[in-house]
């Protein structure tokens, strides 16, 4: 059972993870592979709205997707996009990436090989991964304008869609830990973490929401 305080803290962290960017037309939409098929659906929706003329789906498989997406996250995303009516010519696939850094680097390579001129990227991720994806892209592709996007859900709606509040909070906490420690490893651009967000994160860790933490970097 999640306490009222933990629910409040999780909502604070959820809001911080989202960049709240105003969506605008970009050179390409890059959908980051994961267990969440909603990323593919949202990327397609943005394409249909005329916010990007081209889609790149990126991602291999992981422990959480190898059974559900045996052909790879990007391949399954592409198949979903084609089912929804996106023409084959508008979808590129990057099937090797196994982390966010590789998502960015390998997608960039695919676009360069295709001869696509890029000045801006609509970066589509899970809602709680927006800031992490943005910070990684800013580090690895600093000359490109990055606009973050995700399925427009509230924290409560996302918990309902997953069906496990504790798991969702674990994922929020794990994503924030990486925002705190990965810049020191050179993996992403530093993000300012407001005191109220840091305090909420620390309380959630003390309450045991720690299954997605990297042990050696626990607070």
N, C-alpha and C. Protein backbone atom coordinates (compact mmCIF):
# COMPACT_ATOMS: atom_id res chain seq x y z
N UNK A 1 0.85 -1.20 0.00
CA UNK A 1 0.00 0.00 0.00
C UNK A 1 0.89 1.25 0.00
N UNK A 2 0.64 2.14 -0.94
CA UNK A 2 1.42 3.38 -1.03
C UNK A 2 0.80 4.43 -0.11
N UNK A 3 1.63 5.01 0.75
CA UNK A 3 1.14 6.01 1.70
C UNK A 3 0.79 7.30 0.97
N UNK A 4 0.02 8.14 1.63
CA UNK A 4 -0.35 9.43 1.04
C UNK A 4 0.88 10.29 0.77
N UNK A 5 1.85 10.27 1.71
CA UNK A 5 3.07 11.05 1.51
C UNK A 5 3.86 10.54 0.30
N UNK A 6 3.98 9.22 0.16
CA UNK A 6 4.71 8.66 -0.97
C UNK A 6 4.01 8.98 -2.29
N UNK A 7 2.69 8.95 -2.28
CA UNK A 7 1.94 9.30 -3.49
C UNK A 7 2.20 10.75 -3.88
N UNK A 8 2.20 11.63 -2.89
CA UNK A 8 2.48 13.05 -3.14
C UNK A 8 3.90 13.23 -3.66
N UNK A 9 4.86 12.55 -3.03
CA UNK A 9 6.25 12.66 -3.47
C UNK A 9 6.42 12.13 -4.89
N UNK A 10 5.75 11.03 -5.21
CA UNK A 10 5.86 10.45 -6.54
C UNK A 10 5.31 11.40 -7.59
N UNK A 11 4.24 12.10 -7.26
CA UNK A 11 3.66 13.05 -8.20
C UNK A 11 4.63 14.20 -8.47
N UNK A 12 5.35 14.64 -7.42
CA UNK A 12 6.36 15.70 -7.59
C UNK A 12 7.46 15.23 -8.53
N UNK A 13 7.94 14.00 -8.35
CA UNK A 13 9.00 13.47 -9.20
C UNK A 13 8.51 13.27 -10.62
N UNK A 14 7.28 12.80 -10.76
CA UNK A 14 6.67 12.63 -12.08
C UNK A 14 6.66 13.94 -12.86
N UNK A 15 6.22 15.00 -12.22
CA UNK A 15 6.17 16.31 -12.88
C UNK A 15 7.55 16.78 -13.29
N UNK A 16 8.55 16.50 -12.45
CA UNK A 16 9.91 16.92 -12.77
C UNK A 16 10.44 16.18 -14.00
N UNK A 17 10.12 14.92 -14.12
CA UNK A 17 10.63 14.13 -15.24
C UNK A 17 10.11 14.63 -16.59
N UNK A 18 8.98 15.30 -16.59
CA UNK A 18 8.43 15.79 -17.85
C UNK A 18 8.96 17.20 -18.14
N UNK A 19 9.32 17.42 -19.40
CA UNK A 19 9.94 18.68 -19.79
C UNK A 19 8.92 19.79 -20.07
N UNK A 20 7.68 19.42 -20.34
CA UNK A 20 6.61 20.40 -20.59
C UNK A 20 6.95 21.31 -21.77
N UNK A 21 7.57 20.74 -22.79
CA UNK A 21 7.89 21.52 -23.99
C UNK A 21 6.64 21.78 -24.82
N UNK A 22 6.61 22.94 -25.46
CA UNK A 22 5.59 23.21 -26.45
C UNK A 22 5.97 22.47 -27.73
N UNK A 23 5.09 21.61 -28.20
CA UNK A 23 5.40 20.82 -29.39
C UNK A 23 5.37 21.70 -30.63
N UNK A 24 6.32 21.49 -31.53
CA UNK A 24 6.41 22.26 -32.76
C UNK A 24 7.05 21.38 -33.84
N UNK A 25 6.87 21.73 -35.10
CA UNK A 25 7.41 20.90 -36.18
C UNK A 25 8.93 20.74 -36.07
N UNK A 26 9.39 19.52 -36.31
CA UNK A 26 10.82 19.21 -36.26
C UNK A 26 11.22 18.42 -37.51
N UNK A 27 12.52 18.26 -37.70
CA UNK A 27 13.03 17.56 -38.88
C UNK A 27 12.65 16.08 -38.86
N UNK A 28 12.60 15.50 -37.67
CA UNK A 28 12.33 14.06 -37.53
C UNK A 28 11.77 13.79 -36.14
N UNK A 29 10.97 12.74 -36.03
CA UNK A 29 10.53 12.24 -34.73
C UNK A 29 11.27 10.95 -34.44
N UNK A 30 11.90 10.87 -33.28
CA UNK A 30 12.61 9.66 -32.87
C UNK A 30 11.87 9.04 -31.71
N UNK A 31 11.35 7.82 -31.92
CA UNK A 31 10.65 7.10 -30.87
C UNK A 31 11.58 6.13 -30.19
N UNK A 32 11.78 6.31 -28.89
CA UNK A 32 12.73 5.51 -28.12
C UNK A 32 12.08 4.19 -27.69
N UNK A 33 12.70 3.09 -28.08
CA UNK A 33 12.16 1.78 -27.78
C UNK A 33 12.05 1.48 -26.30
N UNK A 34 11.03 0.72 -25.93
CA UNK A 34 10.80 0.31 -24.54
C UNK A 34 9.70 -0.73 -24.55
N UNK A 35 9.22 -1.08 -23.34
CA UNK A 35 8.10 -2.01 -23.23
C UNK A 35 6.77 -1.36 -23.59
N UNK A 36 6.76 -0.03 -23.71
CA UNK A 36 5.54 0.76 -23.81
C UNK A 36 5.20 1.04 -25.28
N UNK A 37 4.20 0.32 -25.82
CA UNK A 37 3.79 0.54 -27.20
C UNK A 37 3.16 1.91 -27.38
N UNK A 38 2.80 2.56 -26.28
CA UNK A 38 2.27 3.91 -26.35
C UNK A 38 3.24 4.89 -26.97
N UNK A 39 4.54 4.62 -26.85
CA UNK A 39 5.54 5.49 -27.49
C UNK A 39 5.37 5.46 -29.00
N UNK A 40 5.14 4.27 -29.55
CA UNK A 40 4.92 4.16 -31.00
C UNK A 40 3.65 4.89 -31.40
N UNK A 41 2.58 4.69 -30.64
CA UNK A 41 1.31 5.33 -30.97
C UNK A 41 1.42 6.85 -30.92
N UNK A 42 2.11 7.36 -29.91
CA UNK A 42 2.27 8.81 -29.79
C UNK A 42 3.13 9.37 -30.91
N UNK A 43 4.18 8.65 -31.28
CA UNK A 43 5.03 9.08 -32.40
C UNK A 43 4.21 9.15 -33.68
N UNK A 44 3.38 8.16 -33.91
CA UNK A 44 2.52 8.16 -35.09
C UNK A 44 1.55 9.34 -35.05
N UNK A 45 0.98 9.61 -33.90
CA UNK A 45 0.06 10.73 -33.76
C UNK A 45 0.74 12.05 -34.11
N UNK A 46 1.96 12.22 -33.64
CA UNK A 46 2.71 13.45 -33.94
C UNK A 46 3.02 13.55 -35.43
N UNK A 47 3.35 12.43 -36.04
CA UNK A 47 3.57 12.41 -37.49
C UNK A 47 2.30 12.83 -38.23
N UNK A 48 1.18 12.26 -37.83
CA UNK A 48 -0.09 12.57 -38.49
C UNK A 48 -0.47 14.05 -38.34
N UNK A 49 -0.06 14.63 -37.23
CA UNK A 49 -0.35 16.05 -36.98
C UNK A 49 0.59 16.98 -37.74
N UNK A 50 1.50 16.42 -38.49
CA UNK A 50 2.39 17.23 -39.30
C UNK A 50 3.57 17.81 -38.55
N UNK A 51 3.88 17.22 -37.37
CA UNK A 51 4.98 17.74 -36.57
C UNK A 51 6.33 17.16 -36.96
N UNK A 52 6.34 16.14 -37.81
CA UNK A 52 7.59 15.58 -38.34
C UNK A 52 7.27 14.82 -39.61
N UNK A 53 8.10 14.97 -40.66
CA UNK A 53 7.85 14.27 -41.92
C UNK A 53 8.43 12.86 -41.96
N UNK A 54 9.21 12.52 -40.94
CA UNK A 54 9.93 11.25 -40.92
C UNK A 54 10.01 10.73 -39.49
N UNK A 55 9.95 9.39 -39.34
CA UNK A 55 10.04 8.74 -38.03
C UNK A 55 11.26 7.83 -38.02
N UNK A 56 11.98 7.83 -36.90
CA UNK A 56 12.98 6.80 -36.63
C UNK A 56 12.57 6.10 -35.34
N UNK A 57 12.44 4.78 -35.40
CA UNK A 57 12.23 3.99 -34.19
C UNK A 57 13.54 3.30 -33.85
N UNK A 58 13.93 3.37 -32.58
CA UNK A 58 15.22 2.86 -32.15
C UNK A 58 15.09 1.94 -30.95
N UNK A 59 15.78 0.80 -30.99
CA UNK A 59 15.78 -0.09 -29.84
C UNK A 59 15.90 -1.55 -30.22
N UNK A 60 16.74 -2.29 -29.49
CA UNK A 60 16.88 -3.73 -29.66
C UNK A 60 15.88 -4.41 -28.73
N UNK A 61 16.33 -5.29 -27.88
CA UNK A 61 15.48 -5.90 -26.86
C UNK A 61 16.17 -5.79 -25.51
N UNK A 62 15.39 -5.99 -24.46
CA UNK A 62 15.92 -6.00 -23.09
C UNK A 62 15.24 -7.13 -22.34
N UNK A 63 15.58 -7.27 -21.06
CA UNK A 63 14.95 -8.32 -20.25
C UNK A 63 13.44 -8.14 -20.19
N UNK A 64 12.98 -6.90 -20.24
CA UNK A 64 11.55 -6.64 -20.11
C UNK A 64 10.80 -6.70 -21.44
N UNK A 65 11.53 -6.77 -22.55
CA UNK A 65 10.84 -6.76 -23.86
C UNK A 65 11.14 -7.97 -24.73
N UNK A 66 12.07 -8.82 -24.34
CA UNK A 66 12.49 -9.88 -25.25
C UNK A 66 11.37 -10.89 -25.55
N UNK A 67 10.45 -11.08 -24.60
CA UNK A 67 9.34 -11.99 -24.86
C UNK A 67 8.21 -11.30 -25.62
N UNK A 68 7.92 -10.05 -25.24
CA UNK A 68 6.81 -9.33 -25.87
C UNK A 68 7.18 -8.79 -27.24
N UNK A 69 8.47 -8.49 -27.44
CA UNK A 69 8.92 -7.91 -28.70
C UNK A 69 10.16 -8.66 -29.19
N UNK A 70 10.00 -9.93 -29.55
CA UNK A 70 11.16 -10.76 -29.89
C UNK A 70 11.94 -10.29 -31.11
N UNK A 71 11.30 -9.54 -32.00
CA UNK A 71 12.01 -9.04 -33.19
C UNK A 71 12.70 -7.71 -32.93
N UNK A 72 12.60 -7.22 -31.70
CA UNK A 72 13.23 -5.95 -31.32
C UNK A 72 12.20 -4.85 -31.19
N UNK A 73 12.45 -3.95 -30.25
CA UNK A 73 11.50 -2.87 -29.96
C UNK A 73 11.23 -2.00 -31.18
N UNK A 74 12.29 -1.59 -31.87
CA UNK A 74 12.13 -0.71 -33.02
C UNK A 74 11.34 -1.39 -34.13
N UNK A 75 11.58 -2.66 -34.35
CA UNK A 75 10.87 -3.40 -35.40
C UNK A 75 9.38 -3.49 -35.06
N UNK A 76 9.07 -3.81 -33.82
CA UNK A 76 7.66 -3.89 -33.41
C UNK A 76 6.99 -2.52 -33.48
N UNK A 77 7.72 -1.48 -33.10
CA UNK A 77 7.18 -0.13 -33.23
C UNK A 77 6.87 0.19 -34.70
N UNK A 78 7.79 -0.15 -35.57
CA UNK A 78 7.58 0.10 -37.01
C UNK A 78 6.34 -0.64 -37.49
N UNK A 79 6.21 -1.90 -37.10
CA UNK A 79 5.04 -2.68 -37.52
C UNK A 79 3.75 -2.02 -37.03
N UNK A 80 3.78 -1.49 -35.81
CA UNK A 80 2.62 -0.79 -35.28
C UNK A 80 2.31 0.45 -36.12
N UNK A 81 3.34 1.21 -36.48
CA UNK A 81 3.15 2.42 -37.27
C UNK A 81 2.54 2.09 -38.63
N UNK A 82 3.01 1.02 -39.27
CA UNK A 82 2.47 0.63 -40.56
C UNK A 82 1.01 0.20 -40.42
N UNK A 83 0.68 -0.51 -39.34
CA UNK A 83 -0.71 -0.89 -39.07
C UNK A 83 -1.60 0.34 -38.96
N UNK A 84 -1.04 1.42 -38.43
CA UNK A 84 -1.80 2.65 -38.23
C UNK A 84 -1.82 3.54 -39.47
N UNK A 85 -1.20 3.05 -40.56
CA UNK A 85 -1.32 3.77 -41.81
C UNK A 85 -0.14 4.64 -42.21
N UNK A 86 0.94 4.61 -41.45
CA UNK A 86 2.12 5.39 -41.85
C UNK A 86 2.80 4.68 -43.02
N UNK A 87 3.15 5.39 -44.09
CA UNK A 87 3.80 4.73 -45.23
C UNK A 87 5.21 4.23 -44.87
N UNK A 88 5.60 3.13 -45.49
CA UNK A 88 6.92 2.55 -45.21
C UNK A 88 8.04 3.56 -45.43
N UNK A 89 7.88 4.41 -46.42
CA UNK A 89 8.93 5.38 -46.76
C UNK A 89 9.16 6.42 -45.66
N UNK A 90 8.21 6.53 -44.73
CA UNK A 90 8.32 7.54 -43.68
C UNK A 90 8.87 6.98 -42.37
N UNK A 91 9.27 5.70 -42.36
CA UNK A 91 9.74 5.07 -41.12
C UNK A 91 11.11 4.42 -41.33
N UNK A 92 12.08 4.85 -40.54
CA UNK A 92 13.40 4.22 -40.51
C UNK A 92 13.52 3.45 -39.19
N UNK A 93 14.33 2.39 -39.21
CA UNK A 93 14.50 1.54 -38.03
C UNK A 93 15.97 1.49 -37.64
N UNK A 94 16.22 1.67 -36.37
CA UNK A 94 17.55 1.50 -35.78
C UNK A 94 17.41 0.35 -34.76
N UNK A 95 17.89 -0.86 -35.07
CA UNK A 95 17.57 -2.03 -34.27
C UNK A 95 18.62 -2.48 -33.25
N UNK A 96 19.67 -1.66 -33.02
CA UNK A 96 20.78 -2.15 -32.19
C UNK A 96 20.83 -1.58 -30.78
N UNK A 97 20.24 -0.42 -30.56
CA UNK A 97 20.45 0.31 -29.30
C UNK A 97 19.89 -0.43 -28.10
N UNK A 98 20.68 -0.42 -27.01
CA UNK A 98 20.27 -1.09 -25.77
C UNK A 98 20.24 -0.14 -24.57
N UNK A 99 20.49 1.14 -24.81
CA UNK A 99 20.35 2.15 -23.75
C UNK A 99 20.08 3.49 -24.42
N UNK A 100 19.80 4.49 -23.59
CA UNK A 100 19.39 5.79 -24.15
C UNK A 100 20.51 6.43 -24.97
N UNK A 101 21.75 6.32 -24.49
CA UNK A 101 22.87 6.88 -25.24
C UNK A 101 22.98 6.26 -26.62
N UNK A 102 22.84 4.94 -26.69
CA UNK A 102 22.90 4.27 -27.99
C UNK A 102 21.70 4.64 -28.85
N UNK A 103 20.53 4.82 -28.24
CA UNK A 103 19.37 5.30 -29.00
C UNK A 103 19.71 6.56 -29.77
N UNK A 104 20.36 7.50 -29.09
CA UNK A 104 20.68 8.78 -29.72
C UNK A 104 21.79 8.62 -30.76
N UNK A 105 22.89 7.98 -30.38
CA UNK A 105 24.03 7.86 -31.29
C UNK A 105 23.67 7.08 -32.55
N UNK A 106 23.01 5.95 -32.36
CA UNK A 106 22.71 5.09 -33.50
C UNK A 106 21.63 5.70 -34.40
N UNK A 107 20.67 6.41 -33.81
CA UNK A 107 19.66 7.08 -34.63
C UNK A 107 20.32 8.17 -35.48
N UNK A 108 21.25 8.86 -34.87
CA UNK A 108 21.97 9.90 -35.62
C UNK A 108 22.71 9.27 -36.81
N UNK A 109 23.33 8.11 -36.59
CA UNK A 109 24.04 7.43 -37.66
C UNK A 109 23.09 7.02 -38.79
N UNK A 110 21.93 6.49 -38.42
CA UNK A 110 20.94 6.06 -39.41
C UNK A 110 20.50 7.25 -40.26
N UNK A 111 20.26 8.38 -39.63
CA UNK A 111 19.83 9.57 -40.36
C UNK A 111 20.93 10.10 -41.27
N UNK A 112 22.17 10.07 -40.78
CA UNK A 112 23.29 10.52 -41.60
C UNK A 112 23.47 9.62 -42.82
N UNK A 113 23.35 8.31 -42.60
CA UNK A 113 23.49 7.36 -43.71
C UNK A 113 22.38 7.53 -44.74
N UNK A 114 21.19 7.95 -44.27
CA UNK A 114 20.06 8.17 -45.18
C UNK A 114 20.13 9.53 -45.85
N UNK A 115 21.10 10.36 -45.48
CA UNK A 115 21.25 11.67 -46.07
C UNK A 115 20.19 12.67 -45.66
N UNK A 116 19.63 12.49 -44.46
CA UNK A 116 18.57 13.39 -43.99
C UNK A 116 19.21 14.58 -43.27
N UNK A 117 18.80 15.77 -43.66
CA UNK A 117 19.31 16.99 -43.04
C UNK A 117 18.50 17.26 -41.77
N UNK A 118 19.19 17.30 -40.63
CA UNK A 118 18.51 17.42 -39.34
C UNK A 118 18.91 18.71 -38.64
N UNK A 119 17.92 19.48 -38.25
CA UNK A 119 18.17 20.65 -37.41
C UNK A 119 17.43 20.57 -36.08
N UNK A 120 16.42 19.70 -36.02
CA UNK A 120 15.64 19.56 -34.79
C UNK A 120 15.06 18.15 -34.70
N UNK A 121 14.87 17.70 -33.47
CA UNK A 121 14.37 16.34 -33.23
C UNK A 121 13.21 16.41 -32.25
N UNK A 122 12.12 15.74 -32.60
CA UNK A 122 11.01 15.52 -31.69
C UNK A 122 11.28 14.18 -31.02
N UNK A 123 11.69 14.20 -29.77
CA UNK A 123 12.17 13.02 -29.07
C UNK A 123 11.04 12.44 -28.22
N UNK A 124 10.57 11.26 -28.60
CA UNK A 124 9.38 10.67 -27.98
C UNK A 124 9.80 9.52 -27.07
N UNK A 125 9.38 9.60 -25.81
CA UNK A 125 9.77 8.60 -24.81
C UNK A 125 8.58 8.28 -23.91
N UNK A 126 8.80 7.40 -22.94
CA UNK A 126 7.81 7.21 -21.89
C UNK A 126 7.70 8.51 -21.09
N UNK A 127 6.56 8.79 -20.48
CA UNK A 127 6.39 10.07 -19.78
C UNK A 127 7.46 10.37 -18.74
N UNK A 128 7.86 9.35 -17.96
CA UNK A 128 8.84 9.59 -16.90
C UNK A 128 10.28 9.53 -17.39
N UNK A 129 10.47 9.35 -18.70
CA UNK A 129 11.83 9.33 -19.26
C UNK A 129 12.12 10.57 -20.09
N UNK A 130 11.20 11.52 -20.13
CA UNK A 130 11.42 12.71 -20.97
C UNK A 130 12.72 13.44 -20.63
N UNK A 131 12.90 13.75 -19.37
CA UNK A 131 14.07 14.55 -18.99
C UNK A 131 15.37 13.77 -19.20
N UNK A 132 15.35 12.49 -18.87
CA UNK A 132 16.55 11.68 -19.08
C UNK A 132 16.91 11.63 -20.56
N UNK A 133 15.91 11.42 -21.42
CA UNK A 133 16.17 11.37 -22.86
C UNK A 133 16.68 12.72 -23.36
N UNK A 134 16.06 13.79 -22.88
CA UNK A 134 16.47 15.13 -23.28
C UNK A 134 17.92 15.41 -22.87
N UNK A 135 18.26 15.11 -21.61
CA UNK A 135 19.60 15.38 -21.11
C UNK A 135 20.65 14.56 -21.86
N UNK A 136 20.30 13.34 -22.23
CA UNK A 136 21.22 12.50 -22.99
C UNK A 136 21.42 13.05 -24.40
N UNK A 137 20.33 13.43 -25.04
CA UNK A 137 20.43 13.97 -26.40
C UNK A 137 21.21 15.28 -26.42
N UNK A 138 21.01 16.12 -25.42
CA UNK A 138 21.74 17.39 -25.34
C UNK A 138 23.24 17.15 -25.20
N UNK A 139 23.62 16.10 -24.51
CA UNK A 139 25.03 15.78 -24.34
C UNK A 139 25.65 15.25 -25.63
N UNK A 140 24.91 14.37 -26.31
CA UNK A 140 25.47 13.65 -27.45
C UNK A 140 25.21 14.32 -28.79
N UNK A 141 24.24 15.24 -28.83
CA UNK A 141 23.87 15.88 -30.09
C UNK A 141 23.58 17.36 -29.81
N UNK A 142 24.56 18.09 -29.27
CA UNK A 142 24.30 19.43 -28.74
C UNK A 142 23.92 20.48 -29.78
N UNK A 143 24.26 20.24 -31.03
CA UNK A 143 23.97 21.24 -32.06
C UNK A 143 22.52 21.16 -32.56
N UNK A 144 21.77 20.16 -32.12
CA UNK A 144 20.41 19.94 -32.60
C UNK A 144 19.40 20.43 -31.55
N UNK A 145 18.34 21.07 -32.00
CA UNK A 145 17.26 21.46 -31.10
C UNK A 145 16.46 20.21 -30.72
N UNK A 146 16.25 19.99 -29.43
CA UNK A 146 15.53 18.82 -28.94
C UNK A 146 14.20 19.26 -28.33
N UNK A 147 13.13 18.67 -28.84
CA UNK A 147 11.80 18.91 -28.29
C UNK A 147 11.30 17.59 -27.72
N UNK A 148 11.02 17.55 -26.43
CA UNK A 148 10.60 16.31 -25.77
C UNK A 148 9.09 16.11 -25.84
N UNK A 149 8.69 14.86 -26.02
CA UNK A 149 7.27 14.54 -26.08
C UNK A 149 7.04 13.15 -25.49
N UNK A 150 5.81 12.92 -25.04
CA UNK A 150 5.40 11.61 -24.55
C UNK A 150 3.88 11.55 -24.59
N UNK A 151 3.34 10.39 -24.30
CA UNK A 151 1.89 10.24 -24.24
C UNK A 151 1.35 11.14 -23.13
N UNK A 152 0.40 12.00 -23.43
CA UNK A 152 -0.09 12.95 -22.42
C UNK A 152 -0.97 12.27 -21.36
N UNK A 153 -0.33 11.83 -20.29
CA UNK A 153 -1.02 11.16 -19.20
C UNK A 153 -0.67 11.82 -17.87
N UNK A 154 -1.61 11.85 -16.96
CA UNK A 154 -1.29 12.25 -15.59
C UNK A 154 -0.61 11.09 -14.89
N UNK A 155 -0.04 11.37 -13.73
CA UNK A 155 0.58 10.31 -12.95
C UNK A 155 -0.44 9.22 -12.62
N UNK A 156 -1.63 9.63 -12.22
CA UNK A 156 -2.66 8.66 -11.86
C UNK A 156 -3.08 7.81 -13.06
N UNK A 157 -3.19 8.42 -14.21
CA UNK A 157 -3.56 7.68 -15.42
C UNK A 157 -2.48 6.68 -15.80
N UNK A 158 -1.22 7.08 -15.63
CA UNK A 158 -0.14 6.16 -15.98
C UNK A 158 -0.10 4.98 -15.02
N UNK A 159 -0.28 5.24 -13.73
CA UNK A 159 -0.33 4.15 -12.75
C UNK A 159 -1.45 3.18 -13.11
N UNK A 160 -2.61 3.72 -13.48
CA UNK A 160 -3.74 2.86 -13.84
C UNK A 160 -3.41 2.02 -15.06
N UNK A 161 -2.70 2.61 -16.04
CA UNK A 161 -2.36 1.87 -17.26
C UNK A 161 -1.38 0.73 -16.99
N UNK A 162 -0.50 0.92 -16.01
CA UNK A 162 0.48 -0.12 -15.65
C UNK A 162 -0.12 -1.12 -14.68
N UNK A 163 -0.96 -0.63 -13.77
CA UNK A 163 -1.61 -1.51 -12.82
C UNK A 163 -0.81 -1.84 -11.59
N UNK A 164 0.29 -1.13 -11.35
CA UNK A 164 1.15 -1.41 -10.20
C UNK A 164 1.81 -0.11 -9.76
N UNK A 165 1.23 0.54 -8.73
CA UNK A 165 1.74 1.85 -8.29
C UNK A 165 3.17 1.76 -7.79
N UNK A 166 3.48 0.71 -7.04
CA UNK A 166 4.83 0.58 -6.48
C UNK A 166 5.87 0.45 -7.59
N UNK A 167 5.55 -0.31 -8.62
CA UNK A 167 6.48 -0.46 -9.73
C UNK A 167 6.71 0.87 -10.43
N UNK A 168 5.64 1.62 -10.65
CA UNK A 168 5.79 2.92 -11.30
C UNK A 168 6.66 3.85 -10.47
N UNK A 169 6.44 3.88 -9.17
CA UNK A 169 7.26 4.75 -8.31
C UNK A 169 8.71 4.29 -8.32
N UNK A 170 8.94 2.98 -8.31
CA UNK A 170 10.31 2.48 -8.43
C UNK A 170 10.97 3.01 -9.70
N UNK A 171 10.23 3.03 -10.80
CA UNK A 171 10.79 3.49 -12.07
C UNK A 171 11.07 4.99 -12.04
N UNK A 172 10.18 5.75 -11.40
CA UNK A 172 10.42 7.19 -11.26
C UNK A 172 11.69 7.46 -10.46
N UNK A 173 11.85 6.72 -9.39
CA UNK A 173 13.02 6.89 -8.52
C UNK A 173 14.29 6.49 -9.26
N UNK A 174 14.25 5.37 -9.97
CA UNK A 174 15.43 4.94 -10.71
C UNK A 174 15.83 5.92 -11.79
N UNK A 175 14.84 6.49 -12.48
CA UNK A 175 15.14 7.47 -13.52
C UNK A 175 15.78 8.72 -12.93
N UNK A 176 15.31 9.14 -11.75
CA UNK A 176 15.89 10.34 -11.14
C UNK A 176 17.30 10.08 -10.63
N UNK A 177 17.55 8.90 -10.10
CA UNK A 177 18.92 8.59 -9.68
C UNK A 177 19.89 8.74 -10.84
N UNK A 178 19.50 8.29 -12.01
CA UNK A 178 20.38 8.38 -13.16
C UNK A 178 20.60 9.83 -13.59
N UNK A 179 19.58 10.66 -13.43
CA UNK A 179 19.77 12.09 -13.71
C UNK A 179 20.76 12.73 -12.75
N UNK A 180 20.84 12.19 -11.54
CA UNK A 180 21.77 12.73 -10.54
C UNK A 180 23.20 12.26 -10.77
N UNK A 181 23.37 11.01 -11.20
CA UNK A 181 24.73 10.45 -11.25
C UNK A 181 25.31 10.34 -12.66
N UNK A 182 24.49 10.20 -13.68
CA UNK A 182 25.03 9.99 -15.02
C UNK A 182 25.80 11.19 -15.58
N UNK A 183 25.43 12.44 -15.25
CA UNK A 183 26.27 13.54 -15.75
C UNK A 183 27.72 13.43 -15.31
N UNK A 184 27.95 12.91 -14.10
CA UNK A 184 29.33 12.74 -13.60
C UNK A 184 30.08 11.67 -14.39
N UNK A 185 29.32 10.76 -15.01
CA UNK A 185 29.93 9.71 -15.83
C UNK A 185 30.10 10.15 -17.28
N UNK A 186 29.61 11.35 -17.60
CA UNK A 186 29.71 11.86 -18.96
C UNK A 186 28.62 11.37 -19.89
N UNK A 187 27.54 10.78 -19.31
CA UNK A 187 26.49 10.19 -20.13
C UNK A 187 25.41 11.19 -20.55
N UNK A 188 25.26 12.28 -19.81
CA UNK A 188 24.19 13.21 -20.12
C UNK A 188 24.51 14.60 -19.59
N UNK A 189 23.78 15.58 -20.07
CA UNK A 189 23.93 16.95 -19.61
C UNK A 189 23.34 17.09 -18.20
N UNK A 190 23.97 17.89 -17.38
CA UNK A 190 23.48 18.11 -16.01
C UNK A 190 22.13 18.82 -16.03
N UNK A 191 21.23 18.33 -15.19
CA UNK A 191 19.93 18.95 -15.02
C UNK A 191 19.80 19.46 -13.58
N UNK A 192 19.29 20.67 -13.43
CA UNK A 192 19.09 21.22 -12.09
C UNK A 192 17.92 20.49 -11.44
N UNK A 193 18.16 19.96 -10.25
CA UNK A 193 17.11 19.26 -9.50
C UNK A 193 16.67 20.16 -8.35
N UNK A 194 15.47 20.70 -8.37
CA UNK A 194 15.00 21.58 -7.30
C UNK A 194 15.01 20.85 -5.95
N UNK A 195 15.21 21.59 -4.85
CA UNK A 195 15.27 20.96 -3.53
C UNK A 195 14.05 20.11 -3.21
N UNK A 196 12.86 20.57 -3.58
CA UNK A 196 11.66 19.80 -3.25
C UNK A 196 11.61 18.47 -3.99
N UNK A 197 12.20 18.42 -5.19
CA UNK A 197 12.26 17.16 -5.93
C UNK A 197 13.28 16.23 -5.30
N UNK A 198 14.44 16.76 -4.94
CA UNK A 198 15.47 15.94 -4.29
C UNK A 198 14.96 15.38 -2.96
N UNK A 199 14.24 16.19 -2.22
CA UNK A 199 13.70 15.73 -0.93
C UNK A 199 12.65 14.64 -1.13
N UNK A 200 11.80 14.81 -2.13
CA UNK A 200 10.79 13.78 -2.43
C UNK A 200 11.46 12.48 -2.83
N UNK A 201 12.49 12.58 -3.65
CA UNK A 201 13.26 11.40 -4.07
C UNK A 201 13.86 10.67 -2.88
N UNK A 202 14.48 11.41 -1.99
CA UNK A 202 15.13 10.79 -0.84
C UNK A 202 14.12 10.12 0.08
N UNK A 203 12.95 10.74 0.27
CA UNK A 203 11.92 10.10 1.09
C UNK A 203 11.43 8.80 0.44
N UNK A 204 11.26 8.81 -0.86
CA UNK A 204 10.81 7.60 -1.54
C UNK A 204 11.83 6.47 -1.43
N UNK A 205 13.11 6.81 -1.51
CA UNK A 205 14.15 5.79 -1.34
C UNK A 205 14.08 5.21 0.07
N UNK A 206 13.93 6.08 1.06
CA UNK A 206 13.84 5.61 2.46
C UNK A 206 12.61 4.73 2.68
N UNK A 207 11.55 4.99 1.90
CA UNK A 207 10.34 4.18 2.01
C UNK A 207 10.44 2.85 1.27
N UNK A 208 11.58 2.61 0.63
CA UNK A 208 11.81 1.32 0.00
C UNK A 208 11.54 1.22 -1.48
N UNK A 209 11.32 2.35 -2.14
CA UNK A 209 11.10 2.33 -3.59
C UNK A 209 12.45 2.35 -4.30
N UNK A 210 13.10 1.21 -4.28
CA UNK A 210 14.51 1.17 -4.67
C UNK A 210 14.88 0.05 -5.65
N UNK A 211 13.89 -0.67 -6.18
CA UNK A 211 14.24 -1.82 -7.02
C UNK A 211 14.91 -1.43 -8.33
N UNK A 212 14.72 -0.17 -8.78
CA UNK A 212 15.35 0.26 -10.03
C UNK A 212 16.59 1.11 -9.80
N UNK A 213 17.06 1.19 -8.56
CA UNK A 213 18.27 1.95 -8.27
C UNK A 213 19.51 1.14 -8.64
N UNK A 214 20.55 1.84 -9.06
CA UNK A 214 21.86 1.22 -9.24
C UNK A 214 22.49 1.18 -7.85
N UNK A 215 22.73 0.01 -7.25
CA UNK A 215 23.10 -0.11 -5.84
C UNK A 215 24.27 0.76 -5.41
N UNK A 216 25.32 0.80 -6.23
CA UNK A 216 26.52 1.52 -5.79
C UNK A 216 26.33 3.02 -5.75
N UNK A 217 25.22 3.51 -6.30
CA UNK A 217 24.97 4.95 -6.30
C UNK A 217 23.75 5.33 -5.48
N UNK A 218 23.31 4.46 -4.59
CA UNK A 218 22.16 4.80 -3.76
C UNK A 218 22.51 5.91 -2.78
N UNK A 219 21.53 6.81 -2.52
CA UNK A 219 21.78 7.92 -1.59
C UNK A 219 21.91 7.42 -0.15
